[in-house]
Amino acid sequence: MNNSYCKIPFDPESLISPNSKAKTCGMAESIAQNLMLLITSRRRENRFNPDYGNDVWEFEFDNAITLAKWEALFIESLKRQIKAYEPRITQPKIEIHMQQVEHTYSTREFSEIKKRVRIAINAVLVDTGEPYRFATELYIGPMSID
């Protein structure tokens, strides 16, 4: 079992330069980095593998889709992506909670409405059977109101 993984973003110069060493991280951080890529990448964005990425970004600005439907799409897509592209974890249980957040800037004359997405993944590490937990929060869909 390898306990050292390349850290993202990867610097190819670290392999060429004699006095440089590639930055590494442990398995938990490496899994978290890959999960973030799966979450934030749009399908067909990776020219070497058009299936890598989340389907949900096709509906990012679709106002006809309900929050519940968007969350369900996100969960299903992320489950498929984890199964295909993150073999170090299994049995992912994914929770997505999205809400609209308005922020008014005191120095500007407008408000922004964004969707805040909270993502939690509970899974099992394949090699050890230990629980693995991942959580993140991101904002999408900026809209300005004058």
N, C-alpha and C. Protein backbone atom coordinates (compact mmCIF):
# COMPACT_ATOMS: atom_id res chain seq x y z
N MET A 1 0.85 -1.18 0.00
CA MET A 1 0.00 0.00 0.00
C MET A 1 0.90 1.25 0.00
N ASN A 2 0.67 2.13 -0.96
CA ASN A 2 1.46 3.36 -1.09
C ASN A 2 0.83 4.46 -0.24
N ASN A 3 1.64 5.09 0.61
CA ASN A 3 1.13 6.15 1.48
C ASN A 3 1.50 7.53 0.99
N SER A 4 2.10 7.63 -0.19
CA SER A 4 2.53 8.92 -0.70
C SER A 4 1.95 9.12 -2.10
N TYR A 5 1.21 10.20 -2.27
CA TYR A 5 0.55 10.52 -3.52
C TYR A 5 0.96 11.91 -3.96
N CYS A 6 0.94 12.15 -5.28
CA CYS A 6 1.27 13.48 -5.80
C CYS A 6 0.19 14.47 -5.40
N LYS A 7 0.62 15.64 -5.00
CA LYS A 7 -0.29 16.70 -4.59
C LYS A 7 -0.73 17.49 -5.83
N ILE A 8 -1.97 17.91 -5.83
CA ILE A 8 -2.51 18.72 -6.91
C ILE A 8 -2.41 20.19 -6.51
N PRO A 9 -1.99 21.10 -7.36
CA PRO A 9 -1.61 20.88 -8.76
C PRO A 9 -0.21 20.27 -8.84
N PHE A 10 -0.05 19.38 -9.79
CA PHE A 10 1.21 18.68 -9.99
C PHE A 10 2.15 19.57 -10.80
N ASP A 11 3.40 19.63 -10.38
CA ASP A 11 4.43 20.40 -11.06
C ASP A 11 5.36 19.46 -11.81
N PRO A 12 5.23 19.36 -13.14
CA PRO A 12 6.09 18.43 -13.90
C PRO A 12 7.58 18.78 -13.82
N GLU A 13 7.89 20.04 -13.56
CA GLU A 13 9.29 20.46 -13.40
C GLU A 13 9.96 19.72 -12.25
N SER A 14 9.17 19.32 -11.25
CA SER A 14 9.75 18.64 -10.09
C SER A 14 10.35 17.28 -10.47
N LEU A 15 9.94 16.72 -11.60
CA LEU A 15 10.51 15.45 -12.06
C LEU A 15 11.80 15.67 -12.85
N ILE A 16 11.93 16.84 -13.45
CA ILE A 16 13.06 17.12 -14.32
C ILE A 16 14.22 17.77 -13.57
N SER A 17 13.89 18.69 -12.72
CA SER A 17 14.91 19.45 -12.00
C SER A 17 15.59 18.56 -10.96
N PRO A 18 16.96 18.53 -10.95
CA PRO A 18 17.67 17.63 -10.03
C PRO A 18 17.51 17.98 -8.55
N ASN A 19 17.30 19.24 -8.24
CA ASN A 19 17.19 19.65 -6.83
C ASN A 19 15.76 19.83 -6.36
N SER A 20 14.82 19.46 -7.19
CA SER A 20 13.41 19.65 -6.85
C SER A 20 12.76 18.30 -6.57
N LYS A 21 11.78 18.34 -5.72
CA LYS A 21 11.06 17.11 -5.35
C LYS A 21 9.56 17.38 -5.50
N ALA A 22 8.85 16.42 -6.05
CA ALA A 22 7.41 16.57 -6.22
C ALA A 22 6.74 16.65 -4.86
N LYS A 23 5.76 17.54 -4.73
CA LYS A 23 5.01 17.65 -3.47
C LYS A 23 4.09 16.45 -3.36
N THR A 24 4.04 15.89 -2.16
CA THR A 24 3.22 14.70 -1.95
C THR A 24 2.24 14.93 -0.81
N CYS A 25 1.29 14.02 -0.71
CA CYS A 25 0.31 14.05 0.37
C CYS A 25 -0.09 12.62 0.69
N GLY A 26 -0.85 12.45 1.76
CA GLY A 26 -1.33 11.14 2.14
C GLY A 26 -2.56 10.73 1.33
N MET A 27 -3.02 9.52 1.54
CA MET A 27 -4.14 9.00 0.78
C MET A 27 -5.42 9.80 1.02
N ALA A 28 -5.72 10.16 2.25
CA ALA A 28 -6.96 10.89 2.54
C ALA A 28 -7.02 12.21 1.77
N GLU A 29 -5.90 12.95 1.77
CA GLU A 29 -5.87 14.22 1.04
C GLU A 29 -5.94 13.99 -0.47
N SER A 30 -5.28 12.95 -0.95
CA SER A 30 -5.32 12.63 -2.37
C SER A 30 -6.75 12.30 -2.82
N ILE A 31 -7.47 11.54 -2.01
CA ILE A 31 -8.87 11.22 -2.32
C ILE A 31 -9.69 12.50 -2.33
N ALA A 32 -9.48 13.37 -1.33
CA ALA A 32 -10.22 14.63 -1.26
C ALA A 32 -9.95 15.49 -2.49
N GLN A 33 -8.70 15.54 -2.94
CA GLN A 33 -8.37 16.32 -4.14
C GLN A 33 -9.09 15.77 -5.36
N ASN A 34 -9.12 14.44 -5.49
CA ASN A 34 -9.82 13.84 -6.63
C ASN A 34 -11.33 14.08 -6.54
N LEU A 35 -11.90 13.98 -5.34
CA LEU A 35 -13.33 14.25 -5.18
C LEU A 35 -13.66 15.69 -5.57
N MET A 36 -12.81 16.64 -5.18
CA MET A 36 -13.04 18.03 -5.59
C MET A 36 -13.00 18.18 -7.10
N LEU A 37 -12.07 17.49 -7.75
CA LEU A 37 -12.03 17.53 -9.21
C LEU A 37 -13.30 16.94 -9.82
N LEU A 38 -13.76 15.82 -9.27
CA LEU A 38 -15.00 15.21 -9.76
C LEU A 38 -16.19 16.14 -9.57
N ILE A 39 -16.23 16.84 -8.46
CA ILE A 39 -17.33 17.75 -8.15
C ILE A 39 -17.32 18.97 -9.06
N THR A 40 -16.15 19.55 -9.26
CA THR A 40 -16.08 20.84 -9.96
C THR A 40 -15.83 20.74 -11.46
N SER A 41 -15.52 19.55 -11.97
CA SER A 41 -15.30 19.40 -13.41
C SER A 41 -16.60 19.12 -14.14
N ARG A 42 -16.74 19.75 -15.27
CA ARG A 42 -17.89 19.52 -16.15
C ARG A 42 -17.54 18.33 -17.05
N ARG A 43 -18.53 17.47 -17.30
CA ARG A 43 -18.29 16.38 -18.25
C ARG A 43 -17.86 16.96 -19.58
N ARG A 44 -17.00 16.26 -20.26
CA ARG A 44 -16.41 16.65 -21.55
C ARG A 44 -15.38 17.78 -21.41
N GLU A 45 -15.08 18.20 -20.19
CA GLU A 45 -14.07 19.23 -19.97
C GLU A 45 -12.67 18.65 -20.12
N ASN A 46 -12.48 17.41 -19.73
CA ASN A 46 -11.19 16.73 -19.83
C ASN A 46 -11.06 16.15 -21.23
N ARG A 47 -10.16 16.69 -22.02
CA ARG A 47 -10.06 16.25 -23.42
C ARG A 47 -9.55 14.83 -23.56
N PHE A 48 -8.89 14.29 -22.53
CA PHE A 48 -8.39 12.92 -22.59
C PHE A 48 -9.42 11.90 -22.13
N ASN A 49 -10.41 12.36 -21.38
CA ASN A 49 -11.48 11.47 -20.92
C ASN A 49 -12.77 12.28 -20.78
N PRO A 50 -13.57 12.32 -21.84
CA PRO A 50 -14.78 13.15 -21.81
C PRO A 50 -15.84 12.70 -20.80
N ASP A 51 -15.72 11.49 -20.27
CA ASP A 51 -16.69 11.01 -19.27
C ASP A 51 -16.36 11.48 -17.86
N TYR A 52 -15.12 11.97 -17.64
CA TYR A 52 -14.71 12.43 -16.32
C TYR A 52 -15.39 13.76 -16.03
N GLY A 53 -16.05 13.88 -14.90
CA GLY A 53 -16.69 15.13 -14.51
C GLY A 53 -18.15 14.93 -14.16
N ASN A 54 -18.72 15.97 -13.60
CA ASN A 54 -20.07 15.92 -13.04
C ASN A 54 -21.13 16.39 -14.04
N ASP A 55 -22.19 15.61 -14.19
CA ASP A 55 -23.29 15.95 -15.10
C ASP A 55 -24.05 17.20 -14.67
N VAL A 56 -24.02 17.52 -13.40
CA VAL A 56 -24.88 18.56 -12.85
C VAL A 56 -24.59 19.93 -13.44
N TRP A 57 -23.38 20.16 -13.91
CA TRP A 57 -23.03 21.48 -14.44
C TRP A 57 -23.75 21.80 -15.74
N GLU A 58 -24.36 20.81 -16.36
CA GLU A 58 -25.20 21.06 -17.54
C GLU A 58 -26.45 21.85 -17.16
N PHE A 59 -26.81 21.80 -15.88
CA PHE A 59 -28.03 22.44 -15.38
C PHE A 59 -27.75 23.60 -14.43
N GLU A 60 -26.53 24.08 -14.43
CA GLU A 60 -26.10 25.09 -13.46
C GLU A 60 -27.00 26.34 -13.46
N PHE A 61 -27.38 26.81 -14.62
CA PHE A 61 -28.18 28.04 -14.69
C PHE A 61 -29.61 27.77 -15.16
N ASP A 62 -30.04 26.53 -15.07
CA ASP A 62 -31.39 26.17 -15.49
C ASP A 62 -32.37 26.47 -14.34
N ASN A 63 -33.14 27.53 -14.49
CA ASN A 63 -34.07 27.93 -13.43
C ASN A 63 -35.33 27.08 -13.39
N ALA A 64 -35.54 26.26 -14.41
CA ALA A 64 -36.73 25.41 -14.44
C ALA A 64 -36.56 24.17 -13.57
N ILE A 65 -35.35 23.87 -13.17
CA ILE A 65 -35.09 22.68 -12.36
C ILE A 65 -35.23 23.04 -10.88
N THR A 66 -35.94 22.23 -10.14
CA THR A 66 -36.12 22.50 -8.70
C THR A 66 -34.84 22.17 -7.94
N LEU A 67 -34.72 22.72 -6.75
CA LEU A 67 -33.55 22.42 -5.92
C LEU A 67 -33.46 20.93 -5.61
N ALA A 68 -34.58 20.31 -5.33
CA ALA A 68 -34.59 18.87 -5.01
C ALA A 68 -34.12 18.05 -6.21
N LYS A 69 -34.55 18.40 -7.40
CA LYS A 69 -34.15 17.68 -8.62
C LYS A 69 -32.65 17.90 -8.86
N TRP A 70 -32.18 19.13 -8.68
CA TRP A 70 -30.77 19.45 -8.88
C TRP A 70 -29.91 18.64 -7.90
N GLU A 71 -30.33 18.58 -6.64
CA GLU A 71 -29.60 17.81 -5.64
C GLU A 71 -29.56 16.33 -6.00
N ALA A 72 -30.69 15.79 -6.46
CA ALA A 72 -30.76 14.38 -6.85
C ALA A 72 -29.84 14.09 -8.04
N LEU A 73 -29.85 14.98 -9.02
CA LEU A 73 -28.95 14.83 -10.18
C LEU A 73 -27.49 14.85 -9.74
N PHE A 74 -27.17 15.75 -8.84
CA PHE A 74 -25.81 15.89 -8.33
C PHE A 74 -25.37 14.60 -7.65
N ILE A 75 -26.22 14.06 -6.78
CA ILE A 75 -25.89 12.84 -6.04
C ILE A 75 -25.68 11.67 -6.98
N GLU A 76 -26.59 11.47 -7.92
CA GLU A 76 -26.48 10.34 -8.85
C GLU A 76 -25.23 10.45 -9.71
N SER A 77 -24.96 11.64 -10.22
CA SER A 77 -23.77 11.83 -11.05
C SER A 77 -22.50 11.59 -10.24
N LEU A 78 -22.45 12.12 -9.02
CA LEU A 78 -21.27 11.97 -8.19
C LEU A 78 -21.05 10.50 -7.80
N LYS A 79 -22.12 9.77 -7.54
CA LYS A 79 -21.99 8.34 -7.24
C LYS A 79 -21.37 7.59 -8.42
N ARG A 80 -21.84 7.89 -9.63
CA ARG A 80 -21.28 7.26 -10.83
C ARG A 80 -19.80 7.61 -11.01
N GLN A 81 -19.47 8.88 -10.77
CA GLN A 81 -18.09 9.31 -10.94
C GLN A 81 -17.17 8.68 -9.91
N ILE A 82 -17.62 8.58 -8.68
CA ILE A 82 -16.81 7.95 -7.63
C ILE A 82 -16.57 6.48 -7.98
N LYS A 83 -17.61 5.80 -8.41
CA LYS A 83 -17.47 4.38 -8.77
C LYS A 83 -16.48 4.20 -9.92
N ALA A 84 -16.50 5.11 -10.88
CA ALA A 84 -15.64 4.99 -12.06
C ALA A 84 -14.21 5.50 -11.82
N TYR A 85 -14.07 6.56 -11.01
CA TYR A 85 -12.78 7.26 -10.97
C TYR A 85 -12.14 7.39 -9.59
N GLU A 86 -12.75 6.83 -8.57
CA GLU A 86 -12.11 6.86 -7.24
C GLU A 86 -12.21 5.47 -6.61
N PRO A 87 -11.32 4.55 -7.05
CA PRO A 87 -11.39 3.16 -6.59
C PRO A 87 -10.92 2.95 -5.15
N ARG A 88 -10.39 3.99 -4.51
CA ARG A 88 -9.87 3.82 -3.15
C ARG A 88 -10.96 3.90 -2.09
N ILE A 89 -12.18 4.30 -2.49
CA ILE A 89 -13.31 4.30 -1.55
C ILE A 89 -14.47 3.52 -2.15
N THR A 90 -15.31 3.04 -1.25
CA THR A 90 -16.48 2.28 -1.67
C THR A 90 -17.68 2.66 -0.80
N GLN A 91 -18.85 2.26 -1.20
CA GLN A 91 -20.10 2.50 -0.47
C GLN A 91 -20.32 3.98 -0.13
N PRO A 92 -20.16 4.87 -1.12
CA PRO A 92 -20.33 6.29 -0.79
C PRO A 92 -21.78 6.64 -0.47
N LYS A 93 -21.95 7.35 0.61
CA LYS A 93 -23.25 7.92 0.98
C LYS A 93 -23.07 9.42 0.84
N ILE A 94 -23.83 10.01 -0.07
CA ILE A 94 -23.64 11.41 -0.43
C ILE A 94 -24.84 12.23 0.00
N GLU A 95 -24.56 13.34 0.64
CA GLU A 95 -25.60 14.30 1.00
C GLU A 95 -25.27 15.63 0.35
N ILE A 96 -26.28 16.21 -0.30
CA ILE A 96 -26.14 17.51 -0.94
C ILE A 96 -27.24 18.40 -0.38
N HIS A 97 -26.86 19.58 0.03
CA HIS A 97 -27.85 20.55 0.49
C HIS A 97 -27.54 21.88 -0.19
N MET A 98 -28.51 22.39 -0.92
CA MET A 98 -28.31 23.64 -1.62
C MET A 98 -29.33 24.66 -1.14
N GLN A 99 -28.87 25.90 -0.99
CA GLN A 99 -29.78 26.98 -0.65
C GLN A 99 -29.30 28.26 -1.32
N GLN A 100 -30.23 29.15 -1.57
CA GLN A 100 -29.87 30.43 -2.16
C GLN A 100 -29.46 31.38 -1.06
N VAL A 101 -28.37 32.10 -1.32
CA VAL A 101 -27.82 33.03 -0.35
C VAL A 101 -27.69 34.39 -1.03
N GLU A 102 -28.17 35.43 -0.35
CA GLU A 102 -28.05 36.78 -0.89
C GLU A 102 -27.02 37.55 -0.08
N HIS A 103 -26.16 38.23 -0.80
CA HIS A 103 -25.14 39.04 -0.12
C HIS A 103 -25.20 40.45 -0.69
N THR A 104 -25.39 41.42 0.18
CA THR A 104 -25.41 42.82 -0.21
C THR A 104 -24.09 43.46 0.20
N TYR A 105 -23.45 44.08 -0.76
CA TYR A 105 -22.17 44.74 -0.50
C TYR A 105 -22.42 46.18 -0.06
N SER A 106 -21.83 46.59 1.04
CA SER A 106 -22.03 47.96 1.53
C SER A 106 -21.28 48.96 0.66
N THR A 107 -20.22 48.53 -0.01
CA THR A 107 -19.43 49.45 -0.84
C THR A 107 -19.93 49.50 -2.28
N ARG A 108 -20.88 48.64 -2.61
CA ARG A 108 -21.42 48.62 -3.98
C ARG A 108 -22.92 48.81 -3.91
N GLU A 109 -23.51 49.05 -5.05
CA GLU A 109 -24.95 49.31 -5.07
C GLU A 109 -25.74 48.13 -5.63
N PHE A 110 -25.32 46.92 -5.33
CA PHE A 110 -26.07 45.76 -5.79
C PHE A 110 -25.91 44.60 -4.83
N SER A 111 -26.78 43.63 -5.01
CA SER A 111 -26.72 42.39 -4.23
C SER A 111 -26.42 41.23 -5.17
N GLU A 112 -25.79 40.20 -4.63
CA GLU A 112 -25.55 38.98 -5.39
C GLU A 112 -26.35 37.85 -4.77
N ILE A 113 -26.94 37.06 -5.63
CA ILE A 113 -27.63 35.85 -5.17
C ILE A 113 -26.85 34.67 -5.74
N LYS A 114 -26.41 33.81 -4.84
CA LYS A 114 -25.67 32.62 -5.25
C LYS A 114 -26.32 31.40 -4.62
N LYS A 115 -26.01 30.26 -5.18
CA LYS A 115 -26.44 29.00 -4.58
C LYS A 115 -25.27 28.46 -3.80
N ARG A 116 -25.49 28.20 -2.52
CA ARG A 116 -24.47 27.58 -1.67
C ARG A 116 -24.78 26.09 -1.63
N VAL A 117 -23.79 25.29 -1.97
CA VAL A 117 -23.94 23.84 -1.99
C VAL A 117 -23.03 23.24 -0.94
N ARG A 118 -23.62 22.51 -0.02
CA ARG A 118 -22.86 21.78 0.99
C ARG A 118 -22.87 20.31 0.59
N ILE A 119 -21.69 19.72 0.56
CA ILE A 119 -21.54 18.34 0.10
C ILE A 119 -20.84 17.55 1.19
N ALA A 120 -21.42 16.42 1.54
CA ALA A 120 -20.82 15.51 2.52
C ALA A 120 -20.82 14.11 1.93
N ILE A 121 -19.68 13.45 2.03
CA ILE A 121 -19.54 12.08 1.54
C ILE A 121 -18.99 11.23 2.67
N ASN A 122 -19.70 10.18 2.99
CA ASN A 122 -19.23 9.18 3.94
C ASN A 122 -19.03 7.89 3.15
N ALA A 123 -17.85 7.31 3.25
CA ALA A 123 -17.52 6.12 2.48
C ALA A 123 -16.62 5.22 3.32
N VAL A 124 -16.13 4.17 2.70
CA VAL A 124 -15.24 3.22 3.35
C VAL A 124 -13.97 3.11 2.52
N LEU A 125 -12.81 3.18 3.18
CA LEU A 125 -11.54 2.98 2.48
C LEU A 125 -11.42 1.51 2.08
N VAL A 126 -11.17 1.25 0.82
CA VAL A 126 -11.10 -0.12 0.31
C VAL A 126 -9.97 -0.90 0.97
N ASP A 127 -8.79 -0.30 1.10
CA ASP A 127 -7.62 -1.03 1.63
C ASP A 127 -7.75 -1.42 3.09
N THR A 128 -8.39 -0.58 3.90
CA THR A 128 -8.38 -0.83 5.35
C THR A 128 -9.76 -1.08 5.95
N GLY A 129 -10.83 -0.72 5.23
CA GLY A 129 -12.18 -0.86 5.78
C GLY A 129 -12.55 0.26 6.73
N GLU A 130 -11.65 1.24 6.90
CA GLU A 130 -11.92 2.37 7.81
C GLU A 130 -12.90 3.35 7.16
N PRO A 131 -13.64 4.07 8.00
CA PRO A 131 -14.53 5.10 7.44
C PRO A 131 -13.73 6.26 6.86
N TYR A 132 -14.26 6.84 5.80
CA TYR A 132 -13.67 8.02 5.16
C TYR A 132 -14.75 9.08 5.07
N ARG A 133 -14.42 10.29 5.49
CA ARG A 133 -15.37 11.39 5.45
C ARG A 133 -14.79 12.56 4.68
N PHE A 134 -15.65 13.16 3.88
CA PHE A 134 -15.26 14.33 3.08
C PHE A 134 -16.41 15.32 3.14
N ALA A 135 -16.07 16.59 3.30
CA ALA A 135 -17.11 17.63 3.29
C ALA A 135 -16.52 18.88 2.66
N THR A 136 -17.35 19.56 1.90
CA THR A 136 -16.94 20.82 1.30
C THR A 136 -18.17 21.68 1.06
N GLU A 137 -17.92 22.91 0.75
CA GLU A 137 -18.98 23.87 0.47
C GLU A 137 -18.52 24.72 -0.71
N LEU A 138 -19.40 24.96 -1.66
CA LEU A 138 -19.05 25.83 -2.76
C LEU A 138 -20.23 26.69 -3.15
N TYR A 139 -19.92 27.76 -3.84
CA TYR A 139 -20.94 28.71 -4.30
C TYR A 139 -20.97 28.69 -5.81
N ILE A 140 -22.18 28.69 -6.35
CA ILE A 140 -22.34 28.68 -7.81
C ILE A 140 -23.39 29.68 -8.24
N GLY A 141 -23.44 29.92 -9.53
CA GLY A 141 -24.51 30.72 -10.12
C GLY A 141 -24.63 32.14 -9.65
N PRO A 142 -23.57 32.96 -9.79
CA PRO A 142 -23.73 34.35 -9.34
C PRO A 142 -24.76 35.10 -10.17
N MET A 143 -25.59 35.81 -9.49
CA MET A 143 -26.58 36.67 -10.11
C MET A 143 -26.53 38.00 -9.37
N SER A 144 -26.48 39.09 -10.11
CA SER A 144 -26.44 40.41 -9.49
C SER A 144 -27.76 41.11 -9.63
N ILE A 145 -28.13 41.85 -8.59
CA ILE A 145 -29.35 42.64 -8.61
C ILE A 145 -28.98 44.08 -8.31
N ASP A 146 -29.29 44.97 -9.24
CA ASP A 146 -28.99 46.40 -9.02
C ASP A 146 -30.03 47.05 -8.13
